[in-house]
Amino acid sequence: MARERQEKKQKKGSPAWMTTYGDMMTLLLVFFVFLISIMETKVEDSRLQLILSAFSGSFGLFRGGLTLAEGNLAEMGNLLETLPAKEKGDRLAKSVEKAVSIFEPEVKSRKVKITEDERGIVISLVSDAFFQSGSAELTAEGEVIVDKLGGFLSSSDFDENMIRVEGHTDNIQPGGTVKERYDTNWELSSGRAITIVKRFENMRGIQGEQLEVVGYGEYQPVESNDIEEGRAYNRRVEIVIMRKKEHSVY
């Protein structure tokens, strides 16, 4: 009888603390799922793998126990060296901020645009503001801005970076007196890029072997050529401070 009374007093189911523990684990799971969902899509695959690998084996479900799982990140010493260095990324971001500060008036007036992409830092000059119409000759304002840009590039921050000057035009073919100097937009875009490179080469701190010239003509527009405003933005020269891994040989 005593044994039967004892069995009746025992409660069925899990202990009360299991409910609290289960709620905590669910909240943690939701938290990490939320973090991954808001993570920027541009995060490098290797960095994302490194983050996620920290959870491999945490609950005893994966090989490797509490260590990083076997795979691409198994040799930590070697592969971590191939990840983009945080110091390099910080330096590039600071250079962009510095450029925006130096060219603040021109950026506000939309004559200069400063961005960053897979190539590196891109400083885009609207050709109509800095070149004579249909010409590779700089205006007085253009000379001032290019010299200011040369001073920025000649800093020690970029002494190991290639500097590519890319010329672009709209899709309107040269005509009239312009036709006499440039048969096609290839020549015009290349001529404008060469003008800037020559000016850079005469500045102290910029080496000739750092410079590259590319003429794209009308074939890499950033806006529609169907309207005048779009064509104005397509007539541009871009100075690209190349990431070191993006150096090219022609």
C-alpha atoms as a PDB file:
ATOM      1  CA  MET A   1       0.000   0.000   0.000  1.00  0.00           C
ATOM      2  CA  ALA A   2       2.808   2.386   0.871  1.00  0.00           C
ATOM      3  CA  ARG A   3       4.458   1.715  -2.495  1.00  0.00           C
ATOM      4  CA  GLU A   4       1.210   2.440  -4.352  1.00  0.00           C
ATOM      5  CA  ARG A   5       0.775   5.755  -2.513  1.00  0.00           C
ATOM      6  CA  GLN A   6       4.375   6.720  -3.418  1.00  0.00           C
ATOM      7  CA  GLU A   7       3.834   5.988  -7.111  1.00  0.00           C
ATOM      8  CA  LYS A   8       0.665   8.129  -7.073  1.00  0.00           C
ATOM      9  CA  LYS A   9       2.608  11.078  -5.646  1.00  0.00           C
ATOM     10  CA  GLN A  10       5.210  10.968  -8.477  1.00  0.00           C
ATOM     11  CA  LYS A  11       4.426  13.370 -11.318  1.00  0.00           C
ATOM     12  CA  LYS A  12       4.607  12.192 -14.886  1.00  0.00           C
ATOM     13  CA  GLY A  13       6.577  14.062 -17.606  1.00  0.00           C
ATOM     14  CA  SER A  14       9.840  16.028 -17.662  1.00  0.00           C
ATOM     15  CA  PRO A  15      11.177  17.959 -14.693  1.00  0.00           C
ATOM     16  CA  ALA A  16      10.125  21.624 -14.470  1.00  0.00           C
ATOM     17  CA  TRP A  17      13.644  22.890 -15.250  1.00  0.00           C
ATOM     18  CA  MET A  18      13.527  21.216 -18.670  1.00  0.00           C
ATOM     19  CA  THR A  19      10.795  23.626 -19.754  1.00  0.00           C
ATOM     20  CA  THR A  20      12.943  26.638 -18.924  1.00  0.00           C
ATOM     21  CA  TYR A  21      15.983  25.057 -20.583  1.00  0.00           C
ATOM     22  CA  GLY A  22      14.002  24.275 -23.727  1.00  0.00           C
ATOM     23  CA  ASP A  23      12.699  27.851 -23.944  1.00  0.00           C
ATOM     24  CA  MET A  24      16.227  29.211 -23.579  1.00  0.00           C
ATOM     25  CA  MET A  25      17.594  27.001 -26.383  1.00  0.00           C
ATOM     26  CA  THR A  26      14.718  27.973 -28.673  1.00  0.00           C
ATOM     27  CA  LEU A  27      15.383  31.662 -28.076  1.00  0.00           C
ATOM     28  CA  LEU A  28      19.078  31.165 -28.789  1.00  0.00           C
ATOM     29  CA  LEU A  29      18.248  29.400 -32.050  1.00  0.00           C
ATOM     30  CA  VAL A  30      15.895  32.213 -33.096  1.00  0.00           C
ATOM     31  CA  PHE A  31      18.564  34.778 -32.188  1.00  0.00           C
ATOM     32  CA  PHE A  32      21.242  33.210 -34.389  1.00  0.00           C
ATOM     33  CA  VAL A  33      18.827  32.639 -37.272  1.00  0.00           C
ATOM     34  CA  PHE A  34      17.940  36.339 -37.054  1.00  0.00           C
ATOM     35  CA  LEU A  35      21.623  37.317 -37.123  1.00  0.00           C
ATOM     36  CA  ILE A  36      22.283  35.264 -40.236  1.00  0.00           C
ATOM     37  CA  SER A  37      19.162  36.599 -41.962  1.00  0.00           C
ATOM     38  CA  ILE A  38      20.236  40.243 -41.556  1.00  0.00           C
ATOM     39  CA  MET A  39      23.847  39.570 -42.440  1.00  0.00           C
ATOM     40  CA  GLU A  40      25.040  41.504 -45.486  1.00  0.00           C
ATOM     41  CA  THR A  41      25.011  39.481 -48.694  1.00  0.00           C
ATOM     42  CA  LYS A  42      28.499  40.690 -49.557  1.00  0.00           C
ATOM     43  CA  VAL A  43      30.160  38.882 -46.685  1.00  0.00           C
ATOM     44  CA  GLU A  44      32.971  36.786 -48.107  1.00  0.00           C
ATOM     45  CA  ASP A  45      32.187  33.064 -48.268  1.00  0.00           C
ATOM     46  CA  SER A  46      35.304  32.195 -46.277  1.00  0.00           C
ATOM     47  CA  ARG A  47      34.331  34.557 -43.460  1.00  0.00           C
ATOM     48  CA  LEU A  48      30.798  33.187 -43.367  1.00  0.00           C
ATOM     49  CA  GLN A  49      32.155  29.661 -43.215  1.00  0.00           C
ATOM     50  CA  LEU A  50      34.444  30.662 -40.388  1.00  0.00           C
ATOM     51  CA  ILE A  51      31.508  32.057 -38.410  1.00  0.00           C
ATOM     52  CA  LEU A  52      29.277  29.072 -39.016  1.00  0.00           C
ATOM     53  CA  SER A  53      32.050  26.581 -38.330  1.00  0.00           C
ATOM     54  CA  ALA A  54      32.144  27.814 -34.747  1.00  0.00           C
ATOM     55  CA  PHE A  55      28.778  26.120 -34.238  1.00  0.00           C
ATOM     56  CA  SER A  56      29.758  22.805 -35.799  1.00  0.00           C
ATOM     57  CA  GLY A  57      29.782  20.141 -33.118  1.00  0.00           C
ATOM     58  CA  SER A  58      28.367  22.443 -30.457  1.00  0.00           C
ATOM     59  CA  PHE A  59      25.481  20.050 -29.819  1.00  0.00           C
ATOM     60  CA  GLY A  60      27.399  16.855 -30.547  1.00  0.00           C
ATOM     61  CA  LEU A  61      25.710  16.376 -33.941  1.00  0.00           C
ATOM     62  CA  PHE A  62      28.727  16.904 -36.180  1.00  0.00           C
ATOM     63  CA  ARG A  63      32.153  15.369 -36.578  1.00  0.00           C
ATOM     64  CA  GLY A  64      34.962  17.078 -34.745  1.00  0.00           C
ATOM     65  CA  GLY A  65      33.374  17.387 -31.313  1.00  0.00           C
ATOM     66  CA  LEU A  66      33.895  20.909 -29.990  1.00  0.00           C
ATOM     67  CA  THR A  67      36.609  21.747 -32.537  1.00  0.00           C
ATOM     68  CA  LEU A  68      36.118  23.221 -35.983  1.00  0.00           C
ATOM     69  CA  ALA A  69      34.660  20.687 -38.395  1.00  0.00           C
ATOM     70  CA  GLU A  70      36.941  19.161 -41.024  1.00  0.00           C
ATOM     71  CA  GLY A  71      36.848  20.838 -44.405  1.00  0.00           C
ATOM     72  CA  ASN A  72      38.134  23.988 -46.047  1.00  0.00           C
ATOM     73  CA  LEU A  73      38.924  25.627 -42.722  1.00  0.00           C
ATOM     74  CA  ALA A  74      40.678  22.658 -41.143  1.00  0.00           C
ATOM     75  CA  GLU A  75      44.129  24.180 -41.704  1.00  0.00           C
ATOM     76  CA  MET A  76      43.433  27.404 -39.844  1.00  0.00           C
ATOM     77  CA  GLY A  77      46.971  28.756 -39.991  1.00  0.00           C
ATOM     78  CA  ASN A  78      47.134  28.642 -43.791  1.00  0.00           C
ATOM     79  CA  LEU A  79      43.649  29.696 -44.818  1.00  0.00           C
ATOM     80  CA  LEU A  80      43.262  32.570 -42.379  1.00  0.00           C
ATOM     81  CA  GLU A  81      46.163  34.228 -44.129  1.00  0.00           C
ATOM     82  CA  THR A  82      44.186  34.227 -47.372  1.00  0.00           C
ATOM     83  CA  LEU A  83      41.252  36.104 -45.849  1.00  0.00           C
ATOM     84  CA  PRO A  84      41.144  39.862 -46.530  1.00  0.00           C
ATOM     85  CA  ALA A  85      43.149  41.552 -43.802  1.00  0.00           C
ATOM     86  CA  LYS A  86      41.055  43.698 -41.501  1.00  0.00           C
ATOM     87  CA  GLU A  87      43.784  46.351 -41.476  1.00  0.00           C
ATOM     88  CA  LYS A  88      43.709  46.585 -45.282  1.00  0.00           C
ATOM     89  CA  GLY A  89      39.940  46.942 -45.290  1.00  0.00           C
ATOM     90  CA  ASP A  90      40.076  49.650 -42.635  1.00  0.00           C
ATOM     91  CA  ARG A  91      42.775  51.497 -44.580  1.00  0.00           C
ATOM     92  CA  LEU A  92      40.721  51.408 -47.775  1.00  0.00           C
ATOM     93  CA  ALA A  93      37.630  52.687 -45.942  1.00  0.00           C
ATOM     94  CA  LYS A  94      39.662  55.535 -44.435  1.00  0.00           C
ATOM     95  CA  SER A  95      40.995  56.412 -47.885  1.00  0.00           C
ATOM     96  CA  VAL A  96      37.446  56.653 -49.228  1.00  0.00           C
ATOM     97  CA  GLU A  97      36.475  58.939 -46.337  1.00  0.00           C
ATOM     98  CA  LYS A  98      39.551  61.078 -46.970  1.00  0.00           C
ATOM     99  CA  ALA A  99      38.749  61.378 -50.682  1.00  0.00           C
ATOM    100  CA  VAL A 100      35.146  62.372 -49.965  1.00  0.00           C
ATOM    101  CA  SER A 101      36.413  65.027 -47.565  1.00  0.00           C
ATOM    102  CA  ILE A 102      38.937  66.436 -50.064  1.00  0.00           C
ATOM    103  CA  PHE A 103      36.442  66.583 -52.923  1.00  0.00           C
ATOM    104  CA  GLU A 104      33.395  67.515 -50.853  1.00  0.00           C
ATOM    105  CA  PRO A 105      32.443  70.604 -52.951  1.00  0.00           C
ATOM    106  CA  GLU A 106      32.738  68.659 -56.218  1.00  0.00           C
ATOM    107  CA  VAL A 107      30.836  65.688 -54.790  1.00  0.00           C
ATOM    108  CA  LYS A 108      28.000  67.956 -53.661  1.00  0.00           C
ATOM    109  CA  SER A 109      27.836  69.590 -57.082  1.00  0.00           C
ATOM    110  CA  ARG A 110      27.799  66.090 -58.666  1.00  0.00           C
ATOM    111  CA  LYS A 111      30.918  66.778 -60.713  1.00  0.00           C
ATOM    112  CA  VAL A 112      32.843  64.058 -58.870  1.00  0.00           C
ATOM    113  CA  LYS A 113      31.569  60.713 -57.642  1.00  0.00           C
ATOM    114  CA  ILE A 114      33.511  58.518 -55.222  1.00  0.00           C
ATOM    115  CA  THR A 115      32.585  54.872 -54.760  1.00  0.00           C
ATOM    116  CA  GLU A 116      34.163  51.539 -53.880  1.00  0.00           C
ATOM    117  CA  ASP A 117      33.690  48.309 -55.806  1.00  0.00           C
ATOM    118  CA  GLU A 118      35.476  45.033 -56.472  1.00  0.00           C
ATOM    119  CA  ARG A 119      38.236  46.877 -58.332  1.00  0.00           C
ATOM    120  CA  GLY A 120      39.026  49.299 -55.510  1.00  0.00           C
ATOM    121  CA  ILE A 121      38.330  53.008 -54.967  1.00  0.00           C
ATOM    122  CA  VAL A 122      36.685  54.628 -57.984  1.00  0.00           C
ATOM    123  CA  ILE A 123      36.842  58.416 -58.427  1.00  0.00           C
ATOM    124  CA  SER A 124      34.642  59.391 -61.360  1.00  0.00           C
ATOM    125  CA  LEU A 125      35.033  62.784 -63.056  1.00  0.00           C
ATOM    126  CA  VAL A 126      32.164  64.092 -65.186  1.00  0.00           C
ATOM    127  CA  SER A 127      33.895  64.965 -68.454  1.00  0.00           C
ATOM    128  CA  ASP A 128      31.647  67.917 -69.286  1.00  0.00           C
ATOM    129  CA  ALA A 129      32.915  69.746 -66.172  1.00  0.00           C
ATOM    130  CA  PHE A 130      36.614  69.092 -66.711  1.00  0.00           C
ATOM    131  CA  PHE A 131      37.192  68.768 -70.477  1.00  0.00           C
ATOM    132  CA  GLN A 132      36.531  70.996 -73.453  1.00  0.00           C
ATOM    133  CA  SER A 133      33.555  69.756 -75.489  1.00  0.00           C
ATOM    134  CA  GLY A 134      34.606  66.908 -77.784  1.00  0.00           C
ATOM    135  CA  SER A 135      38.222  67.360 -76.726  1.00  0.00           C
ATOM    136  CA  ALA A 136      40.884  65.724 -74.564  1.00  0.00           C
ATOM    137  CA  GLU A 137      42.049  69.136 -73.343  1.00  0.00           C
ATOM    138  CA  LEU A 138      41.378  69.922 -69.692  1.00  0.00           C
ATOM    139  CA  THR A 139      39.526  73.074 -68.709  1.00  0.00           C
ATOM    140  CA  ALA A 140      41.040  75.397 -66.102  1.00  0.00           C
ATOM    141  CA  GLU A 141      38.802  73.802 -63.464  1.00  0.00           C
ATOM    142  CA  GLY A 142      39.774  70.375 -64.732  1.00  0.00           C
ATOM    143  CA  GLU A 143      43.475  71.128 -64.265  1.00  0.00           C
ATOM    144  CA  VAL A 144      42.870  72.211 -60.662  1.00  0.00           C
ATOM    145  CA  ILE A 145      40.846  69.093 -59.823  1.00  0.00           C
ATOM    146  CA  VAL A 146      43.275  66.691 -61.521  1.00  0.00           C
ATOM    147  CA  ASP A 147      46.196  68.294 -59.658  1.00  0.00           C
ATOM    148  CA  LYS A 148      44.285  67.965 -56.385  1.00  0.00           C
ATOM    149  CA  LEU A 149      43.568  64.346 -57.229  1.00  0.00           C
ATOM    150  CA  GLY A 150      47.243  63.779 -58.016  1.00  0.00           C
ATOM    151  CA  GLY A 151      48.173  65.101 -54.599  1.00  0.00           C
ATOM    152  CA  PHE A 152      45.767  62.638 -53.011  1.00  0.00           C
ATOM    153  CA  LEU A 153      47.152  59.728 -55.050  1.00  0.00           C
ATOM    154  CA  SER A 154      50.785  60.588 -54.335  1.00  0.00           C
ATOM    155  CA  SER A 155      50.374  59.890 -50.626  1.00  0.00           C
ATOM    156  CA  SER A 156      52.263  56.928 -49.233  1.00  0.00           C
ATOM    157  CA  ASP A 157      48.978  55.029 -48.785  1.00  0.00           C
ATOM    158  CA  PHE A 158      48.967  54.133 -52.489  1.00  0.00           C
ATOM    159  CA  ASP A 159      52.646  53.688 -53.294  1.00  0.00           C
ATOM    160  CA  GLU A 160      52.068  49.971 -53.955  1.00  0.00           C
ATOM    161  CA  ASN A 161      48.701  50.264 -55.736  1.00  0.00           C
ATOM    162  CA  MET A 162      48.166  50.415 -59.467  1.00  0.00           C
ATOM    163  CA  ILE A 163      46.212  53.460 -60.656  1.00  0.00           C
ATOM    164  CA  ARG A 164      44.037  52.828 -63.693  1.00  0.00           C
ATOM    165  CA  VAL A 165      42.580  55.761 -65.631  1.00  0.00           C
ATOM    166  CA  GLU A 166      39.530  54.737 -67.670  1.00  0.00           C
ATOM    167  CA  GLY A 167      37.955  56.939 -70.330  1.00  0.00           C
ATOM    168  CA  HIS A 168      34.256  56.669 -71.253  1.00  0.00           C
ATOM    169  CA  THR A 169      31.930  58.464 -73.680  1.00  0.00           C
ATOM    170  CA  ASP A 170      28.262  58.480 -74.619  1.00  0.00           C
ATOM    171  CA  ASN A 171      27.033  56.782 -77.802  1.00  0.00           C
ATOM    172  CA  ILE A 172      27.035  59.924 -79.952  1.00  0.00           C
ATOM    173  CA  GLN A 173      29.721  59.571 -82.608  1.00  0.00           C
ATOM    174  CA  PRO A 174      32.173  62.416 -83.207  1.00  0.00           C
ATOM    175  CA  GLY A 175      31.117  64.890 -85.866  1.00  0.00           C
ATOM    176  CA  GLY A 176      32.106  68.269 -87.325  1.00  0.00           C
ATOM    177  CA  THR A 177      35.439  69.583 -86.090  1.00  0.00           C
ATOM    178  CA  VAL A 178      35.566  66.834 -83.461  1.00  0.00           C
ATOM    179  CA  LYS A 179      35.565  64.267 -86.289  1.00  0.00           C
ATOM    180  CA  GLU A 180      38.760  65.804 -87.632  1.00  0.00           C
ATOM    181  CA  ARG A 181      40.554  65.030 -84.338  1.00  0.00           C
ATOM    182  CA  TYR A 182      38.859  61.791 -83.269  1.00  0.00           C
ATOM    183  CA  ASP A 183      37.459  59.285 -85.727  1.00  0.00           C
ATOM    184  CA  THR A 184      35.560  57.349 -83.051  1.00  0.00           C
ATOM    185  CA  ASN A 185      34.743  57.448 -79.354  1.00  0.00           C
ATOM    186  CA  TRP A 186      37.593  54.992 -78.795  1.00  0.00           C
ATOM    187  CA  GLU A 187      40.113  57.711 -79.588  1.00  0.00           C
ATOM    188  CA  LEU A 188      38.272  60.361 -77.576  1.00  0.00           C
ATOM    189  CA  SER A 189      37.919  58.226 -74.443  1.00  0.00           C
ATOM    190  CA  SER A 190      41.536  57.065 -74.647  1.00  0.00           C
ATOM    191  CA  GLY A 191      42.777  60.611 -75.307  1.00  0.00           C
ATOM    192  CA  ARG A 192      41.101  61.971 -72.182  1.00  0.00           C
ATOM    193  CA  ALA A 193      42.500  59.164 -70.047  1.00  0.00           C
ATOM    194  CA  ILE A 194      45.995  59.749 -71.467  1.00  0.00           C
ATOM    195  CA  THR A 195      45.771  63.478 -70.715  1.00  0.00           C
ATOM    196  CA  ILE A 196      45.193  62.734 -67.032  1.00  0.00           C
ATOM    197  CA  VAL A 197      47.890  60.044 -66.887  1.00  0.00           C
ATOM    198  CA  LYS A 198      50.455  62.439 -68.378  1.00  0.00           C
ATOM    199  CA  ARG A 199      49.609  65.005 -65.716  1.00  0.00           C
ATOM    200  CA  PHE A 200      49.915  62.386 -62.962  1.00  0.00           C
ATOM    201  CA  GLU A 201      53.253  61.193 -64.298  1.00  0.00           C
ATOM    202  CA  ASN A 202      54.717  64.672 -63.871  1.00  0.00           C
ATOM    203  CA  MET A 203      53.805  64.711 -60.177  1.00  0.00           C
ATOM    204  CA  ARG A 204      56.155  63.642 -57.447  1.00  0.00           C
ATOM    205  CA  GLY A 205      55.080  60.488 -55.650  1.00  0.00           C
ATOM    206  CA  ILE A 206      53.336  58.796 -58.592  1.00  0.00           C
ATOM    207  CA  GLN A 207      55.501  56.345 -60.519  1.00  0.00           C
ATOM    208  CA  GLY A 208      54.951  55.648 -64.203  1.00  0.00           C
ATOM    209  CA  GLU A 209      54.841  51.908 -63.574  1.00  0.00           C
ATOM    210  CA  GLN A 210      51.822  52.461 -61.309  1.00  0.00           C
ATOM    211  CA  LEU A 211      49.718  53.924 -64.106  1.00  0.00           C
ATOM    212  CA  GLU A 212      47.428  52.219 -66.593  1.00  0.00           C
ATOM    213  CA  VAL A 213      45.287  53.722 -69.362  1.00  0.00           C
ATOM    214  CA  VAL A 214      42.070  52.190 -70.703  1.00  0.00           C
ATOM    215  CA  GLY A 215      39.660  53.625 -73.258  1.00  0.00           C
ATOM    216  CA  TYR A 216      36.195  52.035 -73.221  1.00  0.00           C
ATOM    217  CA  GLY A 217      34.499  54.394 -75.636  1.00  0.00           C
ATOM    218  CA  GLU A 218      30.712  54.138 -75.384  1.00  0.00           C
ATOM    219  CA  TYR A 219      30.544  50.521 -74.283  1.00  0.00           C
ATOM    220  CA  GLN A 220      30.337  50.764 -70.496  1.00  0.00           C
ATOM    221  CA  PRO A 221      27.551  53.296 -69.809  1.00  0.00           C
ATOM    222  CA  VAL A 222      26.327  53.894 -66.274  1.00  0.00           C
ATOM    223  CA  GLU A 223      23.091  55.578 -67.377  1.00  0.00           C
ATOM    224  CA  SER A 224      20.772  55.401 -70.356  1.00  0.00           C
ATOM    225  CA  ASN A 225      22.023  57.111 -73.509  1.00  0.00           C
ATOM    226  CA  ASP A 226      18.417  57.838 -74.503  1.00  0.00           C
ATOM    227  CA  ILE A 227      18.320  61.101 -72.516  1.00  0.00           C
ATOM    228  CA  GLU A 228      20.800  63.963 -72.312  1.00  0.00           C
ATOM    229  CA  GLU A 229      21.267  63.691 -68.553  1.00  0.00           C
ATOM    230  CA  GLY A 230      22.191  60.014 -68.915  1.00  0.00           C
ATOM    231  CA  ARG A 231      24.645  60.783 -71.710  1.00  0.00           C
ATOM    232  CA  ALA A 232      26.262  63.466 -69.555  1.00  0.00           C
ATOM    233  CA  TYR A 233      26.993  60.931 -66.812  1.00  0.00           C
ATOM    234  CA  ASN A 234      28.327  58.451 -69.372  1.00  0.00           C
ATOM    235  CA  ARG A 235      30.864  61.020 -70.564  1.00  0.00           C
ATOM    236  CA  ARG A 236      33.293  60.489 -67.724  1.00  0.00           C
ATOM    237  CA  VAL A 237      36.815  59.533 -66.709  1.00  0.00           C
ATOM    238  CA  GLU A 238      37.241  57.111 -63.823  1.00  0.00           C
ATOM    239  CA  ILE A 239      40.411  56.957 -61.753  1.00  0.00           C
ATOM    240  CA  VAL A 240      40.540  53.536 -60.109  1.00  0.00           C
ATOM    241  CA  ILE A 241      42.898  52.877 -57.206  1.00  0.00           C
ATOM    242  CA  MET A 242      43.223  49.154 -57.725  1.00  0.00           C
ATOM    243  CA  ARG A 243      43.189  46.645 -54.929  1.00  0.00           C
ATOM    244  CA  LYS A 244      46.557  44.929 -54.860  1.00  0.00           C
ATOM    245  CA  LYS A 245      45.108  41.557 -55.843  1.00  0.00           C
ATOM    246  CA  GLU A 246      43.475  43.177 -58.891  1.00  0.00           C
ATOM    247  CA  HIS A 247      46.719  44.287 -60.557  1.00  0.00           C
ATOM    248  CA  SER A 248      46.660  43.481 -64.217  1.00  0.00           C
ATOM    249  CA  VAL A 249      49.294  43.166 -66.882  1.00  0.00           C
ATOM    250  CA  TYR A 250      48.714  44.350 -70.441  1.00  0.00           C
END
